[in-house]
Amino acid sequence: MDSNEDLLETISEQLYSISKEHRGFFRTKKWIVDIYDSKLSKINRVDFILFQLENYPARYCSNLFLCLGNFWTQLSRIDFEKIISIVQHPSLLLPWIEFLYTVLRVDVLTLIFDSELSAKDKYLVFEYYGRFPNKLLAVSLSREEEFSNDMGVDLAELKDIGASVIAQDSKLYVSVTDHSILKSLLKKRIRVLKFKSLFSTLFS
């Protein structure tokens, strides 16, 4: 194991352990993450996200992602595409997808739909959200005080970070916030992926 991998594992485990101690199981606060800001800057961001998704509970990852703040400004569409293509199983992406889609408001689902993942893997993701579309509803800024008091998280700042990331790449889009349009879009993509998945199975 090289020094970067060792640092990645050490920081990840320390964050997880401290989060449990200070806020109960799976919870964290932004000030805890801020302590590690200088060390996090030395770690490959794609590797860090993947390590969390592949080694820690989804609920913990969801809370951790909320607390990373400016960490997200250093990630690009290319980084998002790497995470999608490298992750061990598409189901592990769910907390990351929901954070990007509902908090940063980056349409990561379109990246997944257009990615090199198999039709079967894409279908697993879209079929899940077809059953639970409410998980993709944008987090309302009216809950800003709740998140600020509970975790030290600034929802408006995170939304602005997402807008900044989108503004830097014409192939990134704002997530769909209208519930009826979102459900309709999911249904269309599920139909396409179901057909492609069946086709690939029949002719593989």
C-alpha atoms as a PDB file:
ATOM      1  CA  MET A   1       0.000   0.000   0.000  1.00  0.00           C
ATOM      2  CA  ASP A   2       1.467   3.402  -1.000  1.00  0.00           C
ATOM      3  CA  SER A   3       1.369   6.509   1.173  1.00  0.00           C
ATOM      4  CA  ASN A   4      -1.661   7.997  -0.608  1.00  0.00           C
ATOM      5  CA  GLU A   5      -3.709   4.846  -0.121  1.00  0.00           C
ATOM      6  CA  ASP A   6      -2.651   4.697   3.505  1.00  0.00           C
ATOM      7  CA  LEU A   7      -3.649   8.344   4.034  1.00  0.00           C
ATOM      8  CA  LEU A   8      -6.986   7.728   2.319  1.00  0.00           C
ATOM      9  CA  GLU A   9      -7.821   4.770   4.550  1.00  0.00           C
ATOM     10  CA  THR A  10      -6.609   6.503   7.711  1.00  0.00           C
ATOM     11  CA  ILE A  11      -8.612   9.697   7.162  1.00  0.00           C
ATOM     12  CA  SER A  12     -11.699   7.752   6.106  1.00  0.00           C
ATOM     13  CA  GLU A  13     -11.660   5.576   9.192  1.00  0.00           C
ATOM     14  CA  GLN A  14     -10.983   8.513  11.505  1.00  0.00           C
ATOM     15  CA  LEU A  15     -13.886  10.508  10.034  1.00  0.00           C
ATOM     16  CA  TYR A  16     -16.205   7.549  10.380  1.00  0.00           C
ATOM     17  CA  SER A  17     -15.169   6.851  13.970  1.00  0.00           C
ATOM     18  CA  ILE A  18     -15.360  10.482  15.109  1.00  0.00           C
ATOM     19  CA  SER A  19     -18.731  10.927  13.410  1.00  0.00           C
ATOM     20  CA  LYS A  20     -20.179   8.056  15.415  1.00  0.00           C
ATOM     21  CA  GLU A  21     -18.789   9.458  18.651  1.00  0.00           C
ATOM     22  CA  HIS A  22     -20.087  12.995  18.171  1.00  0.00           C
ATOM     23  CA  ARG A  23     -23.470  12.537  16.557  1.00  0.00           C
ATOM     24  CA  GLY A  24     -24.615   8.984  16.899  1.00  0.00           C
ATOM     25  CA  PHE A  25     -24.257   6.233  14.376  1.00  0.00           C
ATOM     26  CA  PHE A  26     -23.844   7.322  10.723  1.00  0.00           C
ATOM     27  CA  ARG A  27     -24.084  11.051  11.516  1.00  0.00           C
ATOM     28  CA  THR A  28     -21.426  13.712  11.163  1.00  0.00           C
ATOM     29  CA  LYS A  29     -20.989  17.480  11.386  1.00  0.00           C
ATOM     30  CA  LYS A  30     -19.211  19.829   9.018  1.00  0.00           C
ATOM     31  CA  TRP A  31     -16.731  21.040  11.636  1.00  0.00           C
ATOM     32  CA  ILE A  32     -15.465  17.478  12.005  1.00  0.00           C
ATOM     33  CA  VAL A  33     -14.752  17.260   8.275  1.00  0.00           C
ATOM     34  CA  ASP A  34     -13.222  20.765   8.231  1.00  0.00           C
ATOM     35  CA  ILE A  35     -10.513  19.580  10.632  1.00  0.00           C
ATOM     36  CA  TYR A  36      -9.310  17.236   7.893  1.00  0.00           C
ATOM     37  CA  ASP A  37      -9.539  19.783   5.070  1.00  0.00           C
ATOM     38  CA  SER A  38      -5.783  20.112   4.518  1.00  0.00           C
ATOM     39  CA  LYS A  39      -5.323  16.343   4.495  1.00  0.00           C
ATOM     40  CA  LEU A  40      -8.274  15.825   2.166  1.00  0.00           C
ATOM     41  CA  SER A  41      -6.637  18.193  -0.319  1.00  0.00           C
ATOM     42  CA  LYS A  42      -3.776  15.690  -0.659  1.00  0.00           C
ATOM     43  CA  ILE A  43      -6.083  12.812  -1.619  1.00  0.00           C
ATOM     44  CA  ASN A  44      -7.423  12.085  -5.080  1.00  0.00           C
ATOM     45  CA  ARG A  45     -11.070  13.154  -4.856  1.00  0.00           C
ATOM     46  CA  VAL A  46     -12.407  10.385  -7.087  1.00  0.00           C
ATOM     47  CA  ASP A  47     -10.607   7.797  -4.964  1.00  0.00           C
ATOM     48  CA  PHE A  48     -12.015   9.359  -1.799  1.00  0.00           C
ATOM     49  CA  ILE A  49     -15.628   9.259  -3.006  1.00  0.00           C
ATOM     50  CA  LEU A  50     -15.297   5.705  -4.276  1.00  0.00           C
ATOM     51  CA  PHE A  51     -13.687   4.549  -1.037  1.00  0.00           C
ATOM     52  CA  GLN A  52     -16.583   5.921   1.005  1.00  0.00           C
ATOM     53  CA  LEU A  53     -19.226   4.383  -1.239  1.00  0.00           C
ATOM     54  CA  GLU A  54     -17.540   0.994  -1.298  1.00  0.00           C
ATOM     55  CA  ASN A  55     -16.594   0.722   2.380  1.00  0.00           C
ATOM     56  CA  TYR A  56     -19.132   2.586   4.514  1.00  0.00           C
ATOM     57  CA  PRO A  57     -22.931   2.547   4.999  1.00  0.00           C
ATOM     58  CA  ALA A  58     -25.038   4.569   2.580  1.00  0.00           C
ATOM     59  CA  ARG A  59     -26.568   6.665   5.359  1.00  0.00           C
ATOM     60  CA  TYR A  60     -23.141   7.720   6.593  1.00  0.00           C
ATOM     61  CA  CYS A  61     -22.024   8.581   3.041  1.00  0.00           C
ATOM     62  CA  SER A  62     -25.107  10.754   2.538  1.00  0.00           C
ATOM     63  CA  ASN A  63     -24.299  12.782   5.633  1.00  0.00           C
ATOM     64  CA  LEU A  64     -20.582  12.964   4.889  1.00  0.00           C
ATOM     65  CA  PHE A  65     -21.193  14.302   1.377  1.00  0.00           C
ATOM     66  CA  LEU A  66     -23.297  17.112   2.845  1.00  0.00           C
ATOM     67  CA  CYS A  67     -20.348  18.168   4.999  1.00  0.00           C
ATOM     68  CA  LEU A  68     -17.641  18.228   2.321  1.00  0.00           C
ATOM     69  CA  GLY A  69     -18.438  21.776   1.154  1.00  0.00           C
ATOM     70  CA  ASN A  70     -15.737  23.192  -1.142  1.00  0.00           C
ATOM     71  CA  PHE A  71     -14.399  19.680  -1.750  1.00  0.00           C
ATOM     72  CA  TRP A  72     -17.026  19.464  -4.527  1.00  0.00           C
ATOM     73  CA  THR A  73     -15.701  22.521  -6.356  1.00  0.00           C
ATOM     74  CA  GLN A  74     -12.654  20.484  -7.365  1.00  0.00           C
ATOM     75  CA  LEU A  75     -14.688  17.765  -9.089  1.00  0.00           C
ATOM     76  CA  SER A  76     -15.617  17.865 -12.763  1.00  0.00           C
ATOM     77  CA  ARG A  77     -17.801  15.950 -15.196  1.00  0.00           C
ATOM     78  CA  ILE A  78     -14.798  13.777 -16.051  1.00  0.00           C
ATOM     79  CA  ASP A  79     -14.445  12.899 -12.364  1.00  0.00           C
ATOM     80  CA  PHE A  80     -18.141  12.061 -12.130  1.00  0.00           C
ATOM     81  CA  GLU A  81     -17.837   9.802 -15.169  1.00  0.00           C
ATOM     82  CA  LYS A  82     -14.848   8.030 -13.597  1.00  0.00           C
ATOM     83  CA  ILE A  83     -16.827   7.355 -10.422  1.00  0.00           C
ATOM     84  CA  ILE A  84     -19.699   5.937 -12.482  1.00  0.00           C
ATOM     85  CA  SER A  85     -17.428   3.668 -14.522  1.00  0.00           C
ATOM     86  CA  ILE A  86     -15.165   2.432 -11.707  1.00  0.00           C
ATOM     87  CA  VAL A  87     -17.605   1.768  -8.821  1.00  0.00           C
ATOM     88  CA  GLN A  88     -17.879  -1.908  -7.897  1.00  0.00           C
ATOM     89  CA  HIS A  89     -21.679  -2.043  -8.288  1.00  0.00           C
ATOM     90  CA  PRO A  90     -24.171   0.609  -9.480  1.00  0.00           C
ATOM     91  CA  SER A  91     -26.280   0.252  -6.328  1.00  0.00           C
ATOM     92  CA  LEU A  92     -23.376   1.723  -4.342  1.00  0.00           C
ATOM     93  CA  LEU A  93     -23.808   4.984  -6.242  1.00  0.00           C
ATOM     94  CA  LEU A  94     -27.235   5.753  -4.774  1.00  0.00           C
ATOM     95  CA  PRO A  95     -26.232   8.079  -1.878  1.00  0.00           C
ATOM     96  CA  TRP A  96     -23.866   9.942  -4.210  1.00  0.00           C
ATOM     97  CA  ILE A  97     -26.511  10.238  -6.933  1.00  0.00           C
ATOM     98  CA  GLU A  98     -29.067  11.582  -4.463  1.00  0.00           C
ATOM     99  CA  PHE A  99     -26.639  14.133  -3.043  1.00  0.00           C
ATOM    100  CA  LEU A 100     -25.641  15.454  -6.458  1.00  0.00           C
ATOM    101  CA  TYR A 101     -29.208  15.459  -7.757  1.00  0.00           C
ATOM    102  CA  THR A 102     -31.033  16.926  -4.755  1.00  0.00           C
ATOM    103  CA  VAL A 103     -28.452  19.132  -3.015  1.00  0.00           C
ATOM    104  CA  LEU A 104     -25.873  20.229  -5.600  1.00  0.00           C
ATOM    105  CA  ARG A 105     -28.654  19.871  -8.183  1.00  0.00           C
ATOM    106  CA  VAL A 106     -26.361  18.353 -10.793  1.00  0.00           C
ATOM    107  CA  ASP A 107     -28.126  15.999 -13.209  1.00  0.00           C
ATOM    108  CA  VAL A 108     -25.898  12.988 -12.694  1.00  0.00           C
ATOM    109  CA  LEU A 109     -28.650  10.669 -13.987  1.00  0.00           C
ATOM    110  CA  THR A 110     -28.073  11.909 -17.520  1.00  0.00           C
ATOM    111  CA  LEU A 111     -24.379  11.110 -17.156  1.00  0.00           C
ATOM    112  CA  ILE A 112     -25.290   7.593 -16.039  1.00  0.00           C
ATOM    113  CA  PHE A 113     -27.768   7.161 -18.888  1.00  0.00           C
ATOM    114  CA  ASP A 114     -25.121   8.234 -21.415  1.00  0.00           C
ATOM    115  CA  SER A 115     -22.273   6.324 -19.730  1.00  0.00           C
ATOM    116  CA  GLU A 116     -20.494   3.132 -20.780  1.00  0.00           C
ATOM    117  CA  LEU A 117     -22.229   1.129 -18.048  1.00  0.00           C
ATOM    118  CA  SER A 118     -24.137  -1.873 -19.310  1.00  0.00           C
ATOM    119  CA  ALA A 119     -27.835  -1.428 -20.051  1.00  0.00           C
ATOM    120  CA  LYS A 120     -28.541  -3.861 -17.207  1.00  0.00           C
ATOM    121  CA  ASP A 121     -26.605  -1.771 -14.674  1.00  0.00           C
ATOM    122  CA  LYS A 122     -28.227   1.450 -15.873  1.00  0.00           C
ATOM    123  CA  TYR A 123     -31.636  -0.191 -15.655  1.00  0.00           C
ATOM    124  CA  LEU A 124     -30.997  -1.149 -12.014  1.00  0.00           C
ATOM    125  CA  VAL A 125     -30.414   2.499 -11.136  1.00  0.00           C
ATOM    126  CA  PHE A 126     -33.320   3.945 -13.108  1.00  0.00           C
ATOM    127  CA  GLU A 127     -35.771   1.246 -12.110  1.00  0.00           C
ATOM    128  CA  TYR A 128     -34.978   1.961  -8.456  1.00  0.00           C
ATOM    129  CA  TYR A 129     -35.740   5.647  -8.860  1.00  0.00           C
ATOM    130  CA  GLY A 130     -38.786   4.806 -10.916  1.00  0.00           C
ATOM    131  CA  ARG A 131     -40.113   3.141  -7.766  1.00  0.00           C
ATOM    132  CA  PHE A 132     -38.826   5.839  -5.415  1.00  0.00           C
ATOM    133  CA  PRO A 133     -38.826   9.128  -7.384  1.00  0.00           C
ATOM    134  CA  ASN A 134     -39.247  11.177  -4.199  1.00  0.00           C
ATOM    135  CA  LYS A 135     -35.631  10.381  -3.346  1.00  0.00           C
ATOM    136  CA  LEU A 136     -34.671  12.687  -6.223  1.00  0.00           C
ATOM    137  CA  LEU A 137     -36.710  15.697  -5.149  1.00  0.00           C
ATOM    138  CA  ALA A 138     -34.538  18.764  -4.571  1.00  0.00           C
ATOM    139  CA  VAL A 139     -33.873  19.528  -0.913  1.00  0.00           C
ATOM    140  CA  SER A 140     -35.776  22.731  -0.172  1.00  0.00           C
ATOM    141  CA  LEU A 141     -33.800  25.761   0.944  1.00  0.00           C
ATOM    142  CA  SER A 142     -36.567  26.285   3.514  1.00  0.00           C
ATOM    143  CA  ARG A 143     -34.809  23.524   5.472  1.00  0.00           C
ATOM    144  CA  GLU A 144     -31.587  25.553   5.568  1.00  0.00           C
ATOM    145  CA  GLU A 145     -31.922  26.405   9.267  1.00  0.00           C
ATOM    146  CA  GLU A 146     -32.516  22.748  10.126  1.00  0.00           C
ATOM    147  CA  PHE A 147     -29.389  21.616   8.304  1.00  0.00           C
ATOM    148  CA  SER A 148     -27.346  24.517   9.647  1.00  0.00           C
ATOM    149  CA  ASN A 149     -28.269  23.852  13.276  1.00  0.00           C
ATOM    150  CA  ASP A 150     -28.046  20.080  13.034  1.00  0.00           C
ATOM    151  CA  MET A 151     -24.900  19.627  10.943  1.00  0.00           C
ATOM    152  CA  GLY A 152     -23.402  23.049  10.276  1.00  0.00           C
ATOM    153  CA  VAL A 153     -24.288  22.702   6.601  1.00  0.00           C
ATOM    154  CA  ASP A 154     -25.194  25.660   4.362  1.00  0.00           C
ATOM    155  CA  LEU A 155     -27.653  24.359   1.728  1.00  0.00           C
ATOM    156  CA  ALA A 156     -27.575  27.590  -0.278  1.00  0.00           C
ATOM    157  CA  GLU A 157     -23.777  27.406  -0.466  1.00  0.00           C
ATOM    158  CA  LEU A 158     -23.926  23.806  -1.685  1.00  0.00           C
ATOM    159  CA  LYS A 159     -26.484  24.737  -4.342  1.00  0.00           C
ATOM    160  CA  ASP A 160     -24.165  27.561  -5.483  1.00  0.00           C
ATOM    161  CA  ILE A 161     -21.252  25.113  -5.630  1.00  0.00           C
ATOM    162  CA  GLY A 162     -23.320  22.818  -7.844  1.00  0.00           C
ATOM    163  CA  ALA A 163     -24.246  25.736 -10.113  1.00  0.00           C
ATOM    164  CA  SER A 164     -20.544  26.646 -10.390  1.00  0.00           C
ATOM    165  CA  VAL A 165     -19.597  23.090 -11.351  1.00  0.00           C
ATOM    166  CA  ILE A 166     -22.347  23.025 -14.010  1.00  0.00           C
ATOM    167  CA  ALA A 167     -21.316  26.426 -15.392  1.00  0.00           C
ATOM    168  CA  GLN A 168     -17.830  25.090 -16.158  1.00  0.00           C
ATOM    169  CA  ASP A 169     -19.050  22.307 -18.468  1.00  0.00           C
ATOM    170  CA  SER A 170     -21.663  22.532 -21.224  1.00  0.00           C
ATOM    171  CA  LYS A 171     -22.308  18.787 -20.891  1.00  0.00           C
ATOM    172  CA  LEU A 172     -23.525  19.116 -17.306  1.00  0.00           C
ATOM    173  CA  TYR A 173     -27.136  20.036 -16.602  1.00  0.00           C
ATOM    174  CA  VAL A 174     -29.251  21.184 -13.695  1.00  0.00           C
ATOM    175  CA  SER A 175     -31.336  18.385 -12.189  1.00  0.00           C
ATOM    176  CA  VAL A 176     -35.061  18.238 -12.889  1.00  0.00           C
ATOM    177  CA  THR A 177     -37.017  19.670  -9.960  1.00  0.00           C
ATOM    178  CA  ASP A 178     -40.586  19.320 -11.247  1.00  0.00           C
ATOM    179  CA  HIS A 179     -41.947  16.045  -9.842  1.00  0.00           C
ATOM    180  CA  SER A 180     -44.261  15.193 -12.752  1.00  0.00           C
ATOM    181  CA  ILE A 181     -41.592  15.918 -15.367  1.00  0.00           C
ATOM    182  CA  LEU A 182     -39.072  13.867 -13.386  1.00  0.00           C
ATOM    183  CA  LYS A 183     -41.396  10.850 -13.183  1.00  0.00           C
ATOM    184  CA  SER A 184     -42.153  11.080 -16.890  1.00  0.00           C
ATOM    185  CA  LEU A 185     -38.439  11.258 -17.751  1.00  0.00           C
ATOM    186  CA  LEU A 186     -37.663   8.271 -15.530  1.00  0.00           C
ATOM    187  CA  LYS A 187     -40.414   6.198 -17.168  1.00  0.00           C
ATOM    188  CA  LYS A 188     -39.098   6.963 -20.660  1.00  0.00           C
ATOM    189  CA  ARG A 189     -35.551   6.043 -19.768  1.00  0.00           C
ATOM    190  CA  ILE A 190     -36.631   2.892 -17.939  1.00  0.00           C
ATOM    191  CA  ARG A 191     -38.472   1.716 -21.071  1.00  0.00           C
ATOM    192  CA  VAL A 192     -35.410   2.348 -23.239  1.00  0.00           C
ATOM    193  CA  LEU A 193     -33.059   0.584 -20.825  1.00  0.00           C
ATOM    194  CA  LYS A 194     -35.408  -2.353 -20.312  1.00  0.00           C
ATOM    195  CA  PHE A 195     -35.468  -2.925 -24.054  1.00  0.00           C
ATOM    196  CA  LYS A 196     -31.688  -2.545 -24.398  1.00  0.00           C
ATOM    197  CA  SER A 197     -31.083  -4.864 -21.451  1.00  0.00           C
ATOM    198  CA  LEU A 198     -33.379  -7.520 -22.888  1.00  0.00           C
ATOM    199  CA  PHE A 199     -31.808  -7.127 -26.333  1.00  0.00           C
ATOM    200  CA  SER A 200     -28.274  -7.515 -24.977  1.00  0.00           C
ATOM    201  CA  THR A 201     -29.309 -10.601 -23.000  1.00  0.00           C
ATOM    202  CA  LEU A 202     -30.894 -12.268 -26.021  1.00  0.00           C
ATOM    203  CA  PHE A 203     -27.916 -11.632 -28.291  1.00  0.00           C
ATOM    204  CA  SER A 204     -25.030 -12.026 -25.867  1.00  0.00           C
END
